[in-house]
Amino acid sequence: MQHRTVHLAVYDTLADWEYGYAVAHLRSGMAHRSSAGSVGIRTVGVGEAVTMGGLRVLPELALDELTPEESALLILPGAELWDAGDELAPFAEKAAEFVAAGVPVAAICGATAGLARRGLLDGRAHTSAAAGYLGFQPGYQGSAGYREAEAVTSEDGLLITAGPTEPVAFAREVLGRLDVMEPEVLDAWYRLFRHSDPSAYGVLEAAAQR
């Protein structure tokens, strides 16, 4: 089976809740039963990061060493620093490298603002915390592509975006983009974790036994 690596960006004030569903379920046994192959997770950053919840994370890979060719997808979580200046601009630049190389980027919450300032949302369907939030970002010209939705994958498949209250929908788009679950399994997964739908259990149990 093919093995692919997803890179999770880590930096100070990282929003702990926003990436958890995506990372955990990319690594789950159910995801690994997909014909698309298994997925590994590596953290990438510029030094030790302290998350919003106070967890200390030492990245496995330096940001300037990461190339799109070695990655299946880059995840950019939200963080207070996205709204505090340009400290995280190198991560948006790395996202631009990925998009230019045809490798997808998934951004949630404040990370969408970073991509807006870099121009990566212009001409692509996207969402965020609110249209007005992105409207304040310097250089943003993508308002025609804004969607009032839980999470959005752009038409070219290169950009996944979501707001801060939608970690499950964000994960659904990531899992779907990487094709790690069959469509009916992914639908059941979303119904269970987003809506606590008991009818989803049977589908997930059957998938786990295959």
N, C-alpha and C. Protein backbone atom coordinates (compact mmCIF):
# COMPACT_ATOMS: atom_id res chain seq x y z
N MET A 1 0.83 -1.20 0.00
CA MET A 1 0.00 0.00 0.00
C MET A 1 0.87 1.26 0.00
N GLN A 2 0.39 2.29 -0.63
CA GLN A 2 1.07 3.56 -0.65
C GLN A 2 1.04 4.19 0.74
N HIS A 3 2.16 4.81 1.13
CA HIS A 3 2.20 5.55 2.40
C HIS A 3 2.42 7.02 2.07
N ARG A 4 1.59 7.87 2.64
CA ARG A 4 1.68 9.30 2.39
C ARG A 4 1.86 10.04 3.70
N THR A 5 2.47 11.22 3.63
CA THR A 5 2.71 12.03 4.82
C THR A 5 1.95 13.34 4.72
N VAL A 6 1.20 13.64 5.77
CA VAL A 6 0.54 14.93 5.92
C VAL A 6 1.35 15.73 6.92
N HIS A 7 1.57 17.00 6.62
CA HIS A 7 2.35 17.86 7.51
C HIS A 7 1.44 18.83 8.25
N LEU A 8 1.60 18.86 9.56
CA LEU A 8 0.82 19.72 10.44
C LEU A 8 1.72 20.85 10.93
N ALA A 9 1.39 22.09 10.57
CA ALA A 9 2.18 23.23 11.03
C ALA A 9 1.90 23.51 12.50
N VAL A 10 2.95 23.78 13.25
CA VAL A 10 2.82 24.09 14.68
C VAL A 10 3.53 25.41 14.96
N TYR A 11 2.87 26.24 15.76
CA TYR A 11 3.42 27.55 16.12
C TYR A 11 2.75 28.01 17.40
N ASP A 12 3.33 29.01 18.04
CA ASP A 12 2.76 29.53 19.30
C ASP A 12 1.31 29.97 19.11
N THR A 13 0.54 29.79 20.15
CA THR A 13 -0.90 30.13 20.25
C THR A 13 -1.76 29.27 19.34
N LEU A 14 -1.24 28.15 18.89
CA LEU A 14 -1.99 27.19 18.07
C LEU A 14 -3.30 26.81 18.75
N ALA A 15 -4.39 26.81 18.00
CA ALA A 15 -5.70 26.45 18.54
C ALA A 15 -5.84 24.93 18.58
N ASP A 16 -5.74 24.36 19.78
CA ASP A 16 -5.63 22.91 19.95
C ASP A 16 -6.79 22.13 19.34
N TRP A 17 -7.98 22.67 19.41
CA TRP A 17 -9.18 21.91 19.01
C TRP A 17 -9.40 21.84 17.51
N GLU A 18 -8.73 22.65 16.75
CA GLU A 18 -9.12 22.83 15.35
C GLU A 18 -8.61 21.73 14.42
N TYR A 19 -7.53 21.09 14.76
CA TYR A 19 -6.93 20.08 13.87
C TYR A 19 -7.09 18.65 14.40
N GLY A 20 -7.58 18.49 15.61
CA GLY A 20 -7.57 17.19 16.28
C GLY A 20 -8.33 16.10 15.56
N TYR A 21 -9.54 16.40 15.10
CA TYR A 21 -10.33 15.38 14.41
C TYR A 21 -9.62 14.93 13.15
N ALA A 22 -9.09 15.88 12.40
CA ALA A 22 -8.42 15.52 11.14
C ALA A 22 -7.21 14.63 11.38
N VAL A 23 -6.36 15.04 12.30
CA VAL A 23 -5.13 14.29 12.55
C VAL A 23 -5.43 12.91 13.13
N ALA A 24 -6.31 12.85 14.13
CA ALA A 24 -6.62 11.58 14.77
C ALA A 24 -7.21 10.58 13.80
N HIS A 25 -8.10 11.03 12.93
CA HIS A 25 -8.80 10.08 12.07
C HIS A 25 -8.06 9.80 10.77
N LEU A 26 -7.08 10.63 10.43
CA LEU A 26 -6.16 10.24 9.35
C LEU A 26 -5.31 9.06 9.80
N ARG A 27 -5.07 8.98 11.10
CA ARG A 27 -4.24 7.92 11.65
C ARG A 27 -5.03 6.69 12.07
N SER A 28 -6.33 6.74 11.98
CA SER A 28 -7.15 5.65 12.51
C SER A 28 -7.08 4.41 11.64
N GLY A 29 -7.37 3.29 12.24
CA GLY A 29 -7.38 2.04 11.49
C GLY A 29 -8.39 2.04 10.37
N MET A 30 -9.51 2.71 10.57
CA MET A 30 -10.54 2.75 9.53
C MET A 30 -10.01 3.46 8.29
N ALA A 31 -9.29 4.54 8.50
CA ALA A 31 -8.73 5.26 7.37
C ALA A 31 -7.71 4.40 6.64
N HIS A 32 -6.94 3.63 7.38
CA HIS A 32 -5.90 2.81 6.77
C HIS A 32 -6.47 1.64 5.98
N ARG A 33 -7.74 1.33 6.14
CA ARG A 33 -8.35 0.27 5.36
C ARG A 33 -8.71 0.72 3.94
N SER A 34 -8.57 2.00 3.68
CA SER A 34 -8.87 2.51 2.35
C SER A 34 -7.84 2.03 1.36
N SER A 35 -8.25 1.84 0.12
CA SER A 35 -7.33 1.44 -0.94
C SER A 35 -6.35 2.54 -1.28
N ALA A 36 -6.62 3.77 -0.78
CA ALA A 36 -5.73 4.89 -1.06
C ALA A 36 -4.44 4.81 -0.27
N GLY A 37 -4.35 3.92 0.71
CA GLY A 37 -3.12 3.74 1.45
C GLY A 37 -3.11 4.45 2.80
N SER A 38 -2.05 4.26 3.54
CA SER A 38 -1.96 4.79 4.89
C SER A 38 -1.40 6.21 4.87
N VAL A 39 -1.62 6.90 5.99
CA VAL A 39 -1.20 8.29 6.12
C VAL A 39 -0.42 8.45 7.42
N GLY A 40 0.72 9.10 7.33
CA GLY A 40 1.48 9.46 8.52
C GLY A 40 1.40 10.96 8.74
N ILE A 41 1.63 11.39 9.98
CA ILE A 41 1.58 12.81 10.33
C ILE A 41 2.95 13.25 10.82
N ARG A 42 3.45 14.37 10.29
CA ARG A 42 4.69 14.97 10.81
C ARG A 42 4.42 16.44 11.10
N THR A 43 4.93 16.91 12.22
CA THR A 43 4.80 18.32 12.57
C THR A 43 5.93 19.11 11.93
N VAL A 44 5.62 20.35 11.56
CA VAL A 44 6.61 21.22 10.92
C VAL A 44 6.50 22.61 11.52
N GLY A 45 7.63 23.25 11.76
CA GLY A 45 7.60 24.58 12.36
C GLY A 45 8.97 25.22 12.34
N VAL A 46 9.12 26.29 13.11
CA VAL A 46 10.39 27.01 13.15
C VAL A 46 11.06 26.92 14.52
N GLY A 47 10.48 26.17 15.42
CA GLY A 47 11.02 26.00 16.76
C GLY A 47 9.94 25.50 17.69
N GLU A 48 10.28 25.33 18.95
CA GLU A 48 9.28 24.85 19.92
C GLU A 48 8.08 25.78 19.94
N ALA A 49 6.89 25.19 19.94
CA ALA A 49 5.66 25.96 19.96
C ALA A 49 4.88 25.66 21.23
N VAL A 50 4.21 26.67 21.75
CA VAL A 50 3.32 26.50 22.90
C VAL A 50 1.91 26.79 22.41
N THR A 51 1.04 25.79 22.49
CA THR A 51 -0.31 25.93 21.97
C THR A 51 -1.16 26.81 22.88
N MET A 52 -2.35 27.15 22.43
CA MET A 52 -3.27 27.94 23.23
C MET A 52 -3.59 27.26 24.55
N GLY A 53 -3.59 25.93 24.53
CA GLY A 53 -3.86 25.16 25.74
C GLY A 53 -2.64 24.94 26.61
N GLY A 54 -1.48 25.48 26.21
CA GLY A 54 -0.27 25.38 27.02
C GLY A 54 0.58 24.16 26.74
N LEU A 55 0.25 23.39 25.71
CA LEU A 55 1.07 22.22 25.37
C LEU A 55 2.32 22.66 24.61
N ARG A 56 3.43 22.05 24.92
CA ARG A 56 4.68 22.36 24.23
C ARG A 56 4.91 21.31 23.14
N VAL A 57 5.15 21.79 21.92
CA VAL A 57 5.32 20.90 20.78
C VAL A 57 6.64 21.24 20.09
N LEU A 58 7.49 20.24 19.92
CA LEU A 58 8.74 20.42 19.20
C LEU A 58 8.56 19.84 17.80
N PRO A 59 8.61 20.65 16.76
CA PRO A 59 8.35 20.14 15.41
C PRO A 59 9.40 19.12 14.99
N GLU A 60 8.95 18.17 14.20
CA GLU A 60 9.85 17.13 13.70
C GLU A 60 10.67 17.60 12.51
N LEU A 61 10.19 18.64 11.84
CA LEU A 61 10.82 19.11 10.61
C LEU A 61 10.81 20.63 10.61
N ALA A 62 11.91 21.22 10.17
CA ALA A 62 11.97 22.68 10.05
C ALA A 62 11.18 23.13 8.84
N LEU A 63 10.49 24.25 8.97
CA LEU A 63 9.65 24.74 7.89
C LEU A 63 10.42 24.93 6.60
N ASP A 64 11.64 25.47 6.67
CA ASP A 64 12.39 25.73 5.45
C ASP A 64 12.92 24.47 4.79
N GLU A 65 12.80 23.33 5.48
CA GLU A 65 13.22 22.06 4.89
C GLU A 65 12.07 21.32 4.21
N LEU A 66 10.85 21.77 4.43
CA LEU A 66 9.68 21.09 3.87
C LEU A 66 9.51 21.46 2.41
N THR A 67 9.32 20.45 1.57
CA THR A 67 9.03 20.67 0.15
C THR A 67 7.70 20.01 -0.19
N PRO A 68 6.95 20.58 -1.13
CA PRO A 68 5.66 19.98 -1.50
C PRO A 68 5.80 18.55 -2.00
N GLU A 69 6.91 18.24 -2.62
CA GLU A 69 7.10 16.91 -3.21
C GLU A 69 7.08 15.80 -2.18
N GLU A 70 7.37 16.11 -0.92
CA GLU A 70 7.41 15.09 0.11
C GLU A 70 6.14 15.05 0.94
N SER A 71 5.10 15.76 0.51
CA SER A 71 3.90 15.89 1.33
C SER A 71 2.66 15.60 0.51
N ALA A 72 1.64 15.08 1.20
CA ALA A 72 0.34 14.88 0.57
C ALA A 72 -0.59 16.06 0.84
N LEU A 73 -0.33 16.79 1.94
CA LEU A 73 -1.20 17.91 2.31
C LEU A 73 -0.57 18.64 3.48
N LEU A 74 -0.74 19.96 3.51
CA LEU A 74 -0.27 20.80 4.62
C LEU A 74 -1.46 21.34 5.37
N ILE A 75 -1.48 21.11 6.70
CA ILE A 75 -2.55 21.62 7.55
C ILE A 75 -2.05 22.84 8.31
N LEU A 76 -2.78 23.95 8.18
CA LEU A 76 -2.47 25.19 8.90
C LEU A 76 -3.60 25.48 9.89
N PRO A 77 -3.42 25.19 11.17
CA PRO A 77 -4.45 25.51 12.16
C PRO A 77 -4.50 27.01 12.44
N GLY A 78 -5.58 27.42 13.08
CA GLY A 78 -5.67 28.79 13.54
C GLY A 78 -4.75 29.03 14.72
N ALA A 79 -4.49 30.30 14.97
CA ALA A 79 -3.66 30.72 16.11
C ALA A 79 -3.85 32.21 16.29
N GLU A 80 -3.70 32.67 17.53
CA GLU A 80 -3.83 34.11 17.78
C GLU A 80 -2.79 34.90 17.00
N LEU A 81 -1.63 34.30 16.73
CA LEU A 81 -0.57 35.00 16.02
C LEU A 81 -0.94 35.36 14.59
N TRP A 82 -1.89 34.64 13.99
CA TRP A 82 -2.30 35.00 12.63
C TRP A 82 -2.87 36.41 12.58
N ASP A 83 -3.42 36.88 13.70
CA ASP A 83 -4.04 38.21 13.75
C ASP A 83 -3.16 39.24 14.45
N ALA A 84 -1.95 38.86 14.78
CA ALA A 84 -1.10 39.73 15.60
C ALA A 84 0.08 40.32 14.84
N GLY A 85 0.15 40.10 13.54
CA GLY A 85 1.29 40.61 12.77
C GLY A 85 1.69 39.62 11.69
N ASP A 86 2.96 39.69 11.32
CA ASP A 86 3.45 38.89 10.20
C ASP A 86 4.34 37.72 10.61
N GLU A 87 4.33 37.39 11.90
CA GLU A 87 5.23 36.33 12.37
C GLU A 87 4.98 35.00 11.66
N LEU A 88 3.72 34.72 11.31
CA LEU A 88 3.40 33.45 10.67
C LEU A 88 3.38 33.55 9.15
N ALA A 89 3.77 34.68 8.59
CA ALA A 89 3.80 34.84 7.14
C ALA A 89 4.62 33.75 6.43
N PRO A 90 5.72 33.25 7.01
CA PRO A 90 6.46 32.17 6.33
C PRO A 90 5.61 30.92 6.10
N PHE A 91 4.63 30.68 6.96
CA PHE A 91 3.76 29.53 6.75
C PHE A 91 2.82 29.76 5.58
N ALA A 92 2.36 31.00 5.41
CA ALA A 92 1.53 31.32 4.24
C ALA A 92 2.36 31.23 2.97
N GLU A 93 3.63 31.62 3.04
CA GLU A 93 4.52 31.48 1.87
C GLU A 93 4.71 30.01 1.52
N LYS A 94 4.85 29.18 2.53
CA LYS A 94 4.99 27.74 2.28
C LYS A 94 3.71 27.20 1.64
N ALA A 95 2.56 27.69 2.10
CA ALA A 95 1.29 27.29 1.50
C ALA A 95 1.27 27.66 0.02
N ALA A 96 1.79 28.83 -0.31
CA ALA A 96 1.83 29.26 -1.71
C ALA A 96 2.71 28.32 -2.54
N GLU A 97 3.80 27.85 -1.96
CA GLU A 97 4.65 26.87 -2.65
C GLU A 97 3.88 25.58 -2.92
N PHE A 98 3.14 25.15 -1.93
CA PHE A 98 2.35 23.91 -2.08
C PHE A 98 1.32 24.07 -3.20
N VAL A 99 0.57 25.15 -3.17
CA VAL A 99 -0.47 25.36 -4.17
C VAL A 99 0.15 25.44 -5.57
N ALA A 100 1.27 26.14 -5.69
CA ALA A 100 1.94 26.26 -6.99
C ALA A 100 2.39 24.90 -7.51
N ALA A 101 2.72 24.00 -6.58
CA ALA A 101 3.18 22.66 -6.96
C ALA A 101 2.03 21.67 -7.12
N GLY A 102 0.79 22.13 -6.88
CA GLY A 102 -0.36 21.24 -7.02
C GLY A 102 -0.61 20.35 -5.83
N VAL A 103 -0.08 20.72 -4.66
CA VAL A 103 -0.27 19.95 -3.43
C VAL A 103 -1.23 20.73 -2.53
N PRO A 104 -2.29 20.09 -2.01
CA PRO A 104 -3.32 20.83 -1.29
C PRO A 104 -2.89 21.36 0.07
N VAL A 105 -3.58 22.42 0.48
CA VAL A 105 -3.38 23.07 1.78
C VAL A 105 -4.74 23.15 2.46
N ALA A 106 -4.79 22.85 3.75
CA ALA A 106 -6.02 22.94 4.54
C ALA A 106 -5.80 23.96 5.64
N ALA A 107 -6.61 25.03 5.63
CA ALA A 107 -6.46 26.12 6.60
C ALA A 107 -7.77 26.36 7.33
N ILE A 108 -7.67 26.57 8.62
CA ILE A 108 -8.86 26.79 9.44
C ILE A 108 -8.67 28.04 10.29
N CYS A 109 -9.77 28.75 10.53
CA CYS A 109 -9.78 29.91 11.42
C CYS A 109 -8.78 30.97 10.96
N GLY A 110 -7.91 31.42 11.84
CA GLY A 110 -6.98 32.49 11.53
C GLY A 110 -6.06 32.20 10.39
N ALA A 111 -5.79 30.94 10.13
CA ALA A 111 -4.91 30.60 9.00
C ALA A 111 -5.53 31.04 7.68
N THR A 112 -6.86 31.09 7.61
CA THR A 112 -7.49 31.56 6.38
C THR A 112 -7.16 33.03 6.14
N ALA A 113 -7.00 33.80 7.21
CA ALA A 113 -6.62 35.21 7.07
C ALA A 113 -5.21 35.33 6.51
N GLY A 114 -4.33 34.45 6.97
CA GLY A 114 -2.98 34.44 6.43
C GLY A 114 -2.95 34.14 4.94
N LEU A 115 -3.79 33.20 4.53
CA LEU A 115 -3.86 32.86 3.11
C LEU A 115 -4.52 34.00 2.32
N ALA A 116 -5.48 34.69 2.95
CA ALA A 116 -6.12 35.82 2.28
C ALA A 116 -5.11 36.92 2.01
N ARG A 117 -4.27 37.22 2.99
CA ARG A 117 -3.26 38.26 2.80
C ARG A 117 -2.25 37.87 1.73
N ARG A 118 -2.02 36.58 1.57
CA ARG A 118 -1.07 36.11 0.56
C ARG A 118 -1.71 36.01 -0.83
N GLY A 119 -3.03 36.19 -0.91
CA GLY A 119 -3.72 36.15 -2.20
C GLY A 119 -4.16 34.77 -2.63
N LEU A 120 -4.04 33.79 -1.75
CA LEU A 120 -4.34 32.41 -2.13
C LEU A 120 -5.84 32.12 -2.19
N LEU A 121 -6.65 32.97 -1.58
CA LEU A 121 -8.10 32.77 -1.62
C LEU A 121 -8.73 33.42 -2.86
N ASP A 122 -8.03 34.33 -3.47
CA ASP A 122 -8.57 35.04 -4.63
C ASP A 122 -8.81 34.07 -5.78
N GLY A 123 -10.03 34.09 -6.30
CA GLY A 123 -10.36 33.23 -7.43
C GLY A 123 -10.69 31.80 -7.06
N ARG A 124 -10.78 31.50 -5.76
CA ARG A 124 -11.12 30.15 -5.30
C ARG A 124 -12.28 30.22 -4.31
N ALA A 125 -13.14 29.23 -4.36
CA ALA A 125 -14.19 29.11 -3.36
C ALA A 125 -13.55 28.86 -2.00
N HIS A 126 -14.07 29.53 -0.96
CA HIS A 126 -13.48 29.40 0.37
C HIS A 126 -14.47 29.87 1.41
N THR A 127 -14.14 29.61 2.67
CA THR A 127 -14.91 30.15 3.78
C THR A 127 -13.95 30.50 4.90
N SER A 128 -14.50 30.99 6.01
CA SER A 128 -13.68 31.39 7.16
C SER A 128 -14.62 31.60 8.34
N ALA A 129 -14.17 32.33 9.33
CA ALA A 129 -15.03 32.64 10.48
C ALA A 129 -16.22 33.48 10.06
N ALA A 130 -15.99 34.44 9.15
CA ALA A 130 -17.03 35.32 8.63
C ALA A 130 -16.47 36.08 7.45
N ALA A 131 -17.35 36.48 6.54
CA ALA A 131 -16.89 37.22 5.37
C ALA A 131 -16.23 38.53 5.79
N GLY A 132 -16.78 39.18 6.82
CA GLY A 132 -16.21 40.43 7.27
C GLY A 132 -14.81 40.29 7.83
N TYR A 133 -14.54 39.16 8.45
CA TYR A 133 -13.19 38.90 8.99
C TYR A 133 -12.16 38.93 7.87
N LEU A 134 -12.44 38.26 6.78
CA LEU A 134 -11.51 38.27 5.66
C LEU A 134 -11.48 39.63 4.98
N GLY A 135 -12.60 40.33 5.00
CA GLY A 135 -12.66 41.63 4.35
C GLY A 135 -11.69 42.64 4.93
N PHE A 136 -11.28 42.45 6.18
CA PHE A 136 -10.33 43.35 6.82
C PHE A 136 -8.88 43.03 6.46
N GLN A 137 -8.64 41.92 5.78
CA GLN A 137 -7.26 41.50 5.50
C GLN A 137 -6.68 42.29 4.32
N PRO A 138 -5.52 42.89 4.49
CA PRO A 138 -4.92 43.69 3.42
C PRO A 138 -4.69 42.85 2.15
N GLY A 139 -5.12 43.40 1.03
CA GLY A 139 -4.87 42.75 -0.25
C GLY A 139 -5.86 41.69 -0.64
N TYR A 140 -6.80 41.35 0.25
CA TYR A 140 -7.79 40.31 -0.07
C TYR A 140 -8.72 40.78 -1.17
N GLN A 141 -8.81 39.98 -2.25
CA GLN A 141 -9.66 40.29 -3.38
C GLN A 141 -10.59 39.12 -3.71
N GLY A 142 -10.84 38.28 -2.73
CA GLY A 142 -11.55 37.04 -3.01
C GLY A 142 -12.99 37.00 -2.56
N SER A 143 -13.61 38.13 -2.28
CA SER A 143 -14.95 38.12 -1.70
C SER A 143 -15.97 37.40 -2.58
N ALA A 144 -15.78 37.41 -3.89
CA ALA A 144 -16.74 36.73 -4.78
C ALA A 144 -16.72 35.22 -4.57
N GLY A 145 -15.64 34.71 -4.04
CA GLY A 145 -15.54 33.27 -3.82
C GLY A 145 -15.91 32.83 -2.42
N TYR A 146 -16.31 33.79 -1.56
CA TYR A 146 -16.64 33.42 -0.18
C TYR A 146 -17.95 32.65 -0.14
N ARG A 147 -17.98 31.57 0.64
CA ARG A 147 -19.17 30.75 0.80
C ARG A 147 -19.56 30.68 2.27
N GLU A 148 -20.84 30.86 2.54
CA GLU A 148 -21.35 30.64 3.90
C GLU A 148 -21.56 29.15 4.07
N ALA A 149 -20.54 28.46 4.55
CA ALA A 149 -20.55 27.00 4.66
C ALA A 149 -19.68 26.58 5.83
N GLU A 150 -19.91 25.36 6.31
CA GLU A 150 -19.10 24.84 7.41
C GLU A 150 -17.64 24.73 7.01
N ALA A 151 -17.40 24.17 5.84
CA ALA A 151 -16.05 24.00 5.31
C ALA A 151 -16.17 23.90 3.80
N VAL A 152 -15.13 24.31 3.11
CA VAL A 152 -15.18 24.37 1.65
C VAL A 152 -13.88 23.82 1.07
N THR A 153 -14.02 22.99 0.05
CA THR A 153 -12.87 22.59 -0.78
C THR A 153 -13.01 23.31 -2.11
N SER A 154 -11.97 24.02 -2.50
CA SER A 154 -12.02 24.78 -3.75
C SER A 154 -12.17 23.85 -4.95
N GLU A 155 -12.64 24.42 -6.04
CA GLU A 155 -12.91 23.63 -7.24
C GLU A 155 -11.68 22.91 -7.76
N ASP A 156 -10.51 23.52 -7.60
CA ASP A 156 -9.28 22.87 -8.07
C ASP A 156 -8.73 21.86 -7.07
N GLY A 157 -9.38 21.74 -5.91
CA GLY A 157 -8.96 20.76 -4.91
C GLY A 157 -7.72 21.13 -4.14
N LEU A 158 -7.22 22.35 -4.32
CA LEU A 158 -5.94 22.73 -3.71
C LEU A 158 -6.10 23.47 -2.39
N LEU A 159 -7.33 23.84 -2.04
CA LEU A 159 -7.51 24.63 -0.83
C LEU A 159 -8.74 24.16 -0.07
N ILE A 160 -8.55 23.85 1.21
CA ILE A 160 -9.63 23.52 2.13
C ILE A 160 -9.66 24.62 3.19
N THR A 161 -10.84 25.17 3.46
CA THR A 161 -10.96 26.22 4.46
C THR A 161 -12.16 25.96 5.36
N ALA A 162 -12.07 26.47 6.58
CA ALA A 162 -13.16 26.33 7.54
C ALA A 162 -13.01 27.39 8.61
N GLY A 163 -14.10 27.64 9.33
CA GLY A 163 -14.07 28.57 10.45
C GLY A 163 -13.73 27.87 11.75
N PRO A 164 -13.52 28.62 12.83
CA PRO A 164 -13.02 28.06 14.08
C PRO A 164 -13.96 27.12 14.80
N THR A 165 -15.25 27.17 14.47
CA THR A 165 -16.23 26.32 15.15
C THR A 165 -16.52 25.04 14.37
N GLU A 166 -15.76 24.77 13.34
CA GLU A 166 -16.08 23.63 12.47
C GLU A 166 -14.94 22.64 12.32
N PRO A 167 -14.34 22.15 13.41
CA PRO A 167 -13.25 21.18 13.26
C PRO A 167 -13.69 19.86 12.65
N VAL A 168 -14.95 19.46 12.86
CA VAL A 168 -15.42 18.18 12.30
C VAL A 168 -15.61 18.31 10.79
N ALA A 169 -16.25 19.40 10.36
CA ALA A 169 -16.43 19.61 8.92
C ALA A 169 -15.08 19.80 8.24
N PHE A 170 -14.16 20.48 8.90
CA PHE A 170 -12.79 20.64 8.38
C PHE A 170 -12.15 19.27 8.18
N ALA A 171 -12.27 18.41 9.18
CA ALA A 171 -11.71 17.07 9.08
C ALA A 171 -12.37 16.28 7.95
N ARG A 172 -13.68 16.42 7.81
CA ARG A 172 -14.38 15.72 6.73
C ARG A 172 -13.79 16.08 5.38
N GLU A 173 -13.52 17.37 5.16
CA GLU A 173 -12.96 17.79 3.87
C GLU A 173 -11.55 17.25 3.68
N VAL A 174 -10.77 17.22 4.75
CA VAL A 174 -9.40 16.68 4.67
C VAL A 174 -9.44 15.19 4.37
N LEU A 175 -10.26 14.46 5.12
CA LEU A 175 -10.37 13.01 4.91
C LEU A 175 -10.86 12.71 3.50
N GLY A 176 -11.82 13.49 3.03
CA GLY A 176 -12.34 13.28 1.69
C GLY A 176 -11.32 13.62 0.62
N ARG A 177 -10.58 14.69 0.83
CA ARG A 177 -9.58 15.10 -0.18
C ARG A 177 -8.49 14.06 -0.33
N LEU A 178 -8.12 13.41 0.76
CA LEU A 178 -7.07 12.39 0.72
C LEU A 178 -7.63 11.00 0.43
N ASP A 179 -8.96 10.91 0.33
CA ASP A 179 -9.62 9.66 -0.08
C ASP A 179 -9.25 8.50 0.83
N VAL A 180 -9.27 8.75 2.14
CA VAL A 180 -8.88 7.71 3.09
C VAL A 180 -10.05 6.91 3.63
N MET A 181 -11.28 7.31 3.29
CA MET A 181 -12.47 6.55 3.65
C MET A 181 -13.37 6.46 2.43
N GLU A 182 -14.09 5.35 2.34
CA GLU A 182 -15.10 5.25 1.30
C GLU A 182 -16.17 6.32 1.55
N PRO A 183 -16.80 6.84 0.50
CA PRO A 183 -17.75 7.95 0.67
C PRO A 183 -18.85 7.68 1.70
N GLU A 184 -19.42 6.47 1.69
CA GLU A 184 -20.50 6.19 2.65
C GLU A 184 -19.97 6.10 4.08
N VAL A 185 -18.71 5.69 4.22
CA VAL A 185 -18.10 5.63 5.55
C VAL A 185 -17.81 7.04 6.05
N LEU A 186 -17.30 7.88 5.17
CA LEU A 186 -17.02 9.26 5.55
C LEU A 186 -18.30 9.99 5.92
N ASP A 187 -19.37 9.74 5.18
CA ASP A 187 -20.65 10.36 5.50
C ASP A 187 -21.13 9.91 6.88
N ALA A 188 -21.00 8.62 7.18
CA ALA A 188 -21.40 8.12 8.49
C ALA A 188 -20.52 8.71 9.59
N TRP A 189 -19.22 8.78 9.31
CA TRP A 189 -18.29 9.38 10.28
C TRP A 189 -18.72 10.80 10.62
N TYR A 190 -19.04 11.58 9.61
CA TYR A 190 -19.45 12.97 9.83
C TYR A 190 -20.77 13.04 10.61
N ARG A 191 -21.72 12.19 10.25
CA ARG A 191 -23.00 12.21 10.94
C ARG A 191 -22.84 11.85 12.41
N LEU A 192 -21.92 10.96 12.71
CA LEU A 192 -21.70 10.56 14.10
C LEU A 192 -21.03 11.68 14.89
N PHE A 193 -19.92 12.20 14.37
CA PHE A 193 -19.14 13.16 15.14
C PHE A 193 -19.70 14.58 15.10
N ARG A 194 -20.49 14.90 14.08
CA ARG A 194 -21.06 16.25 14.01
C ARG A 194 -22.48 16.30 14.59
N HIS A 195 -23.25 15.23 14.35
CA HIS A 195 -24.66 15.26 14.74
C HIS A 195 -25.04 14.18 15.76
N SER A 196 -24.09 13.39 16.23
CA SER A 196 -24.36 12.31 17.17
C SER A 196 -25.46 11.39 16.66
N ASP A 197 -25.42 11.09 15.37
CA ASP A 197 -26.45 10.28 14.71
C ASP A 197 -26.20 8.80 15.00
N PRO A 198 -27.06 8.14 15.79
CA PRO A 198 -26.82 6.74 16.15
C PRO A 198 -26.88 5.80 14.94
N SER A 199 -27.57 6.20 13.88
CA SER A 199 -27.65 5.33 12.70
C SER A 199 -26.31 5.17 12.00
N ALA A 200 -25.35 6.03 12.33
CA ALA A 200 -24.03 5.96 11.71
C ALA A 200 -23.20 4.81 12.25
N TYR A 201 -23.51 4.34 13.45
CA TYR A 201 -22.68 3.30 14.07
C TYR A 201 -22.62 2.04 13.22
N GLY A 202 -23.74 1.61 12.68
CA GLY A 202 -23.75 0.38 11.90
C GLY A 202 -22.82 0.45 10.71
N VAL A 203 -22.81 1.56 10.01
CA VAL A 203 -21.93 1.74 8.85
C VAL A 203 -20.47 1.70 9.28
N LEU A 204 -20.16 2.38 10.37
CA LEU A 204 -18.77 2.42 10.84
C LEU A 204 -18.29 1.07 11.37
N GLU A 205 -19.17 0.37 12.06
CA GLU A 205 -18.81 -0.97 12.55
C GLU A 205 -18.56 -1.93 11.40
N ALA A 206 -19.39 -1.86 10.38
CA ALA A 206 -19.20 -2.74 9.23
C ALA A 206 -17.89 -2.42 8.53
N ALA A 207 -17.56 -1.13 8.42
CA ALA A 207 -16.31 -0.73 7.78
C ALA A 207 -15.11 -1.20 8.58
N ALA A 208 -15.22 -1.13 9.91
CA ALA A 208 -14.10 -1.53 10.77
C ALA A 208 -13.81 -3.01 10.70
N GLN A 209 -14.81 -3.81 10.33
CA GLN A 209 -14.64 -5.27 10.28
C GLN A 209 -14.15 -5.76 8.92
N ARG A 210 -14.11 -4.91 7.95
CA ARG A 210 -13.66 -5.34 6.61
C ARG A 210 -12.19 -5.66 6.61
